[in-house]
N, C-alpha and C. Protein backbone atom coordinates (compact mmCIF):
# COMPACT_ATOMS: atom_id res chain seq x y z
N MET A 1 10.47 -16.65 -0.79
CA MET A 1 9.76 -15.51 -0.19
C MET A 1 9.17 -15.81 1.11
N ILE A 2 9.19 -14.87 1.96
CA ILE A 2 8.71 -15.04 3.47
C ILE A 2 7.67 -14.06 3.49
N GLU A 3 6.45 -14.73 4.18
CA GLU A 3 5.26 -13.93 4.50
C GLU A 3 5.37 -13.66 5.93
N LEU A 4 5.02 -12.29 6.17
CA LEU A 4 5.15 -11.86 7.60
C LEU A 4 3.94 -11.41 7.82
N ARG A 5 3.08 -12.00 8.77
CA ARG A 5 1.62 -11.77 9.09
C ARG A 5 1.54 -11.16 10.40
N LEU A 6 0.77 -9.96 10.53
CA LEU A 6 0.61 -9.25 11.65
C LEU A 6 -0.85 -9.05 11.98
N ASP A 7 -1.27 -9.27 13.27
CA ASP A 7 -2.64 -8.98 13.57
C ASP A 7 -2.75 -7.68 13.94
N PHE A 8 -3.95 -7.27 14.19
CA PHE A 8 -4.34 -5.85 14.57
C PHE A 8 -3.42 -5.39 15.94
N TYR A 9 -3.43 -6.23 16.82
CA TYR A 9 -2.90 -5.79 18.25
C TYR A 9 -1.16 -5.72 17.95
N GLU A 10 -0.79 -6.46 17.18
CA GLU A 10 0.70 -6.36 17.02
C GLU A 10 0.94 -5.08 16.08
N VAL A 11 0.14 -4.72 15.16
CA VAL A 11 0.20 -3.48 14.45
C VAL A 11 0.09 -2.43 15.23
N ILE A 12 -0.95 -2.30 16.08
CA ILE A 12 -1.01 -1.26 17.21
C ILE A 12 0.10 -1.10 18.08
N SER A 13 0.70 -2.26 18.61
CA SER A 13 1.65 -2.19 19.44
C SER A 13 3.15 -1.64 18.70
N ALA A 14 3.14 -1.93 17.64
CA ALA A 14 4.57 -1.51 16.67
C ALA A 14 4.23 -0.05 16.39
N LEU A 15 3.01 0.56 16.13
CA LEU A 15 2.89 1.91 16.14
C LEU A 15 2.99 2.74 17.42
N GLN A 16 2.74 2.16 18.61
CA GLN A 16 3.08 2.81 19.91
C GLN A 16 4.57 2.84 20.08
N ASP A 17 5.07 1.79 19.80
CA ASP A 17 6.50 1.57 19.87
C ASP A 17 7.21 2.84 19.01
N VAL A 18 6.91 2.81 17.78
CA VAL A 18 7.49 3.85 16.87
C VAL A 18 7.38 5.22 17.50
N LEU A 19 6.07 5.53 17.87
CA LEU A 19 5.75 6.75 18.47
C LEU A 19 6.45 7.20 19.56
N ARG A 20 6.86 6.13 20.54
CA ARG A 20 7.50 6.29 21.71
C ARG A 20 8.95 6.47 21.53
N LYS A 21 9.55 5.57 20.59
CA LYS A 21 10.97 5.57 20.43
C LYS A 21 11.56 6.70 19.62
N LYS A 22 10.64 7.02 18.59
CA LYS A 22 11.08 8.11 17.66
C LYS A 22 10.74 9.66 17.92
N TYR A 23 9.45 9.55 18.49
CA TYR A 23 9.06 10.97 18.84
C TYR A 23 8.82 11.13 20.36
N GLY A 24 8.95 10.29 21.26
CA GLY A 24 8.87 10.51 22.56
C GLY A 24 7.48 10.67 22.95
N ALA A 25 6.40 10.14 22.39
CA ALA A 25 5.12 10.31 22.62
C ALA A 25 4.54 9.13 23.23
N GLU A 26 3.89 9.25 24.26
CA GLU A 26 3.26 8.13 25.01
C GLU A 26 1.64 8.35 24.59
N LEU A 27 1.27 7.52 23.68
CA LEU A 27 -0.23 7.52 23.29
C LEU A 27 -0.78 6.25 23.35
N ARG A 28 -2.05 6.09 23.78
CA ARG A 28 -2.73 4.84 23.77
C ARG A 28 -3.75 4.93 22.51
N LEU A 29 -3.41 4.05 21.67
CA LEU A 29 -4.37 4.09 20.29
C LEU A 29 -5.58 3.28 20.58
N ASN A 30 -6.76 3.88 20.32
CA ASN A 30 -7.94 3.11 20.28
C ASN A 30 -8.35 2.71 19.07
N TYR A 31 -8.60 1.35 19.12
CA TYR A 31 -8.96 0.53 17.80
C TYR A 31 -10.19 1.23 17.00
N CYS A 32 -11.09 1.92 17.72
CA CYS A 32 -12.06 2.63 16.84
C CYS A 32 -11.73 3.76 16.18
N GLU A 33 -10.68 4.30 16.37
CA GLU A 33 -10.18 5.50 15.69
C GLU A 33 -8.93 5.24 14.81
N SER A 34 -8.74 3.71 14.65
CA SER A 34 -7.53 3.33 13.74
C SER A 34 -8.08 3.09 12.35
N GLY A 35 -7.02 3.47 11.55
CA GLY A 35 -7.58 3.21 10.00
C GLY A 35 -6.30 3.54 9.06
N VAL A 36 -6.43 3.09 7.86
CA VAL A 36 -5.37 3.00 6.94
C VAL A 36 -5.77 3.75 5.72
N THR A 37 -4.93 4.79 5.15
CA THR A 37 -5.40 5.44 3.88
C THR A 37 -4.27 5.02 3.00
N VAL A 38 -4.57 4.46 1.74
CA VAL A 38 -3.77 3.85 0.76
C VAL A 38 -3.91 4.75 -0.39
N ARG A 39 -2.84 5.36 -0.92
CA ARG A 39 -2.78 6.13 -2.06
C ARG A 39 -2.28 5.10 -3.24
N ASP A 40 -3.21 4.85 -4.16
CA ASP A 40 -3.03 4.28 -5.45
C ASP A 40 -2.70 5.10 -6.44
N ARG A 41 -1.74 4.84 -7.56
CA ARG A 41 -1.57 5.42 -8.83
C ARG A 41 -2.61 4.64 -9.75
N ILE A 42 -3.45 5.62 -10.56
CA ILE A 42 -4.34 5.09 -11.59
C ILE A 42 -3.69 5.27 -12.89
N TYR A 43 -3.84 4.30 -13.51
CA TYR A 43 -3.14 4.35 -15.09
C TYR A 43 -4.40 4.24 -16.09
N LYS A 44 -4.23 4.80 -17.17
CA LYS A 44 -5.27 4.44 -18.21
C LYS A 44 -4.36 4.33 -19.47
N THR A 45 -5.27 3.52 -20.35
CA THR A 45 -4.68 3.20 -21.74
C THR A 45 -4.29 4.41 -22.65
N LYS A 46 -3.16 4.41 -23.19
CA LYS A 46 -2.90 5.47 -23.97
C LYS A 46 -3.47 5.28 -25.51
N LYS A 47 -4.05 6.31 -25.86
CA LYS A 47 -4.73 6.29 -27.21
C LYS A 47 -4.29 7.42 -28.29
N HIS A 48 -4.39 6.88 -29.44
CA HIS A 48 -4.09 7.91 -30.47
C HIS A 48 -5.16 8.98 -30.60
N LYS A 49 -5.01 9.98 -31.30
CA LYS A 49 -6.04 11.10 -31.59
C LYS A 49 -7.25 10.37 -32.01
N ASN A 50 -7.37 9.38 -33.00
CA ASN A 50 -8.41 8.82 -33.46
C ASN A 50 -9.17 7.99 -32.47
N GLY A 51 -8.60 7.73 -31.42
CA GLY A 51 -9.34 7.01 -30.41
C GLY A 51 -8.83 5.38 -30.25
N LYS A 52 -7.88 5.00 -30.99
CA LYS A 52 -7.34 3.74 -31.25
C LYS A 52 -6.35 3.43 -30.14
N VAL A 53 -6.38 2.35 -29.56
CA VAL A 53 -5.39 2.12 -28.40
C VAL A 53 -3.78 1.87 -29.00
N MET A 54 -3.11 2.54 -28.42
CA MET A 54 -1.45 2.45 -28.67
C MET A 54 -1.01 1.29 -28.10
N ARG A 55 -0.31 0.50 -28.96
CA ARG A 55 0.51 -0.82 -28.62
C ARG A 55 1.95 -0.69 -28.65
N ASP A 56 2.57 -1.42 -27.86
CA ASP A 56 4.06 -1.45 -27.89
C ASP A 56 4.45 -2.04 -29.18
N PRO A 57 5.34 -1.53 -30.01
CA PRO A 57 5.81 -1.94 -31.33
C PRO A 57 6.44 -3.15 -31.22
N LYS A 58 7.03 -3.62 -30.23
CA LYS A 58 7.84 -4.81 -30.24
C LYS A 58 6.92 -6.09 -29.88
N TYR A 59 5.98 -5.97 -28.70
CA TYR A 59 5.46 -7.05 -28.00
C TYR A 59 3.90 -7.03 -28.27
N GLY A 60 3.40 -5.84 -28.63
CA GLY A 60 1.95 -5.66 -28.77
C GLY A 60 0.96 -5.39 -27.72
N PHE A 61 1.57 -5.23 -26.49
CA PHE A 61 0.63 -5.00 -25.41
C PHE A 61 0.00 -3.61 -25.43
N PRO A 62 -0.91 -3.22 -24.91
CA PRO A 62 -1.57 -1.81 -24.86
C PRO A 62 -0.41 -1.05 -23.94
N LEU A 63 -0.18 0.24 -24.35
CA LEU A 63 0.53 1.14 -23.49
C LEU A 63 -0.18 1.93 -22.44
N LYS A 64 0.28 2.09 -21.30
CA LYS A 64 -0.18 2.74 -20.17
C LYS A 64 0.40 4.06 -19.86
N GLU A 65 -0.41 4.90 -19.36
CA GLU A 65 0.06 6.10 -18.82
C GLU A 65 -0.54 6.68 -17.46
N PHE A 66 -0.01 7.32 -16.63
CA PHE A 66 -0.31 7.96 -15.32
C PHE A 66 -1.52 8.76 -15.64
N ASP A 67 -2.78 8.59 -14.93
CA ASP A 67 -3.83 9.39 -14.90
C ASP A 67 -3.97 10.23 -13.59
N LYS A 68 -4.05 9.52 -12.38
CA LYS A 68 -4.36 10.39 -11.34
C LYS A 68 -3.99 9.46 -9.93
N HIS A 69 -4.13 10.11 -8.95
CA HIS A 69 -4.02 9.51 -7.74
C HIS A 69 -5.51 9.05 -7.23
N GLU A 70 -5.51 7.95 -6.41
CA GLU A 70 -6.76 7.56 -5.62
C GLU A 70 -6.62 7.26 -4.54
N GLU A 71 -7.34 7.87 -3.38
CA GLU A 71 -6.97 7.60 -1.80
C GLU A 71 -8.22 6.59 -1.69
N LYS A 72 -7.73 5.35 -0.81
CA LYS A 72 -8.94 4.71 -0.22
C LYS A 72 -8.66 4.51 1.09
N TYR A 73 -9.69 4.61 1.93
CA TYR A 73 -9.57 4.32 3.40
C TYR A 73 -10.18 3.11 3.91
N PHE A 74 -9.39 2.33 4.69
CA PHE A 74 -9.68 1.20 5.28
C PHE A 74 -9.76 1.38 6.79
N SER A 75 -10.88 0.82 7.51
CA SER A 75 -10.79 1.11 9.10
C SER A 75 -10.40 -0.31 9.54
N LEU A 76 -9.75 -0.24 10.63
CA LEU A 76 -9.04 -1.43 11.15
C LEU A 76 -9.93 -1.71 12.46
N ASP A 77 -10.19 -3.12 12.46
CA ASP A 77 -10.78 -3.75 13.77
C ASP A 77 -10.20 -4.97 14.37
N GLU A 78 -10.61 -5.48 15.42
CA GLU A 78 -9.79 -6.63 15.95
C GLU A 78 -9.68 -7.82 14.96
N GLN A 79 -10.23 -7.91 14.01
CA GLN A 79 -10.15 -9.13 13.04
C GLN A 79 -9.07 -8.76 11.76
N SER A 80 -8.65 -7.36 11.83
CA SER A 80 -7.84 -6.96 10.85
C SER A 80 -6.45 -7.68 10.73
N GLU A 81 -5.86 -8.01 9.74
CA GLU A 81 -4.52 -8.70 9.42
C GLU A 81 -3.87 -8.09 8.51
N PHE A 82 -2.52 -7.78 8.62
CA PHE A 82 -1.64 -7.55 7.43
C PHE A 82 -0.77 -8.57 7.10
N SER A 83 -0.52 -8.71 5.88
CA SER A 83 0.47 -9.56 5.26
C SER A 83 1.30 -8.79 4.52
N PHE A 84 2.76 -9.09 4.62
CA PHE A 84 3.73 -8.58 3.99
C PHE A 84 4.45 -9.66 3.26
N TYR A 85 4.81 -9.71 1.98
CA TYR A 85 5.57 -10.71 1.18
C TYR A 85 7.13 -10.08 1.00
N LEU A 86 8.01 -10.71 1.60
CA LEU A 86 9.41 -10.16 1.56
C LEU A 86 10.33 -11.19 0.87
N GLU A 87 11.33 -10.89 0.03
CA GLU A 87 12.21 -11.53 -0.60
C GLU A 87 13.76 -11.22 0.31
N GLU A 88 14.33 -12.37 0.34
CA GLU A 88 15.59 -12.15 0.88
C GLU A 88 16.72 -11.47 0.01
N SER A 89 17.46 -10.44 0.32
CA SER A 89 18.44 -9.92 -0.65
C SER A 89 19.83 -10.76 -0.56
N ASP A 90 20.50 -10.63 -1.64
CA ASP A 90 21.84 -11.17 -1.84
C ASP A 90 22.83 -10.50 -1.01
N SER A 91 22.88 -9.06 -0.99
CA SER A 91 23.70 -8.30 -0.25
C SER A 91 23.54 -8.17 1.03
N GLU A 92 24.66 -8.12 1.94
CA GLU A 92 24.59 -7.81 3.37
C GLU A 92 24.82 -6.43 3.83
């Protein structure tokens, strides 16, 4: 597994490159206005009508079902850092 770590300025620089190359827009991004919105899927435990937790018949772990989406906002500053964990693929 490979860890790719980017600091705040590398992320801002990459975003500016994408905007310039893909959209032809020359924008200067200000760190005060930078932020990330993450949309997570929230799951809840499945239950029978009587309120008892439903379990997997073979392994016995509680069954989950999708409940809703939840958005979280994170502001970025000069100390922010992103880490991506990547696995190499066998196919080329």
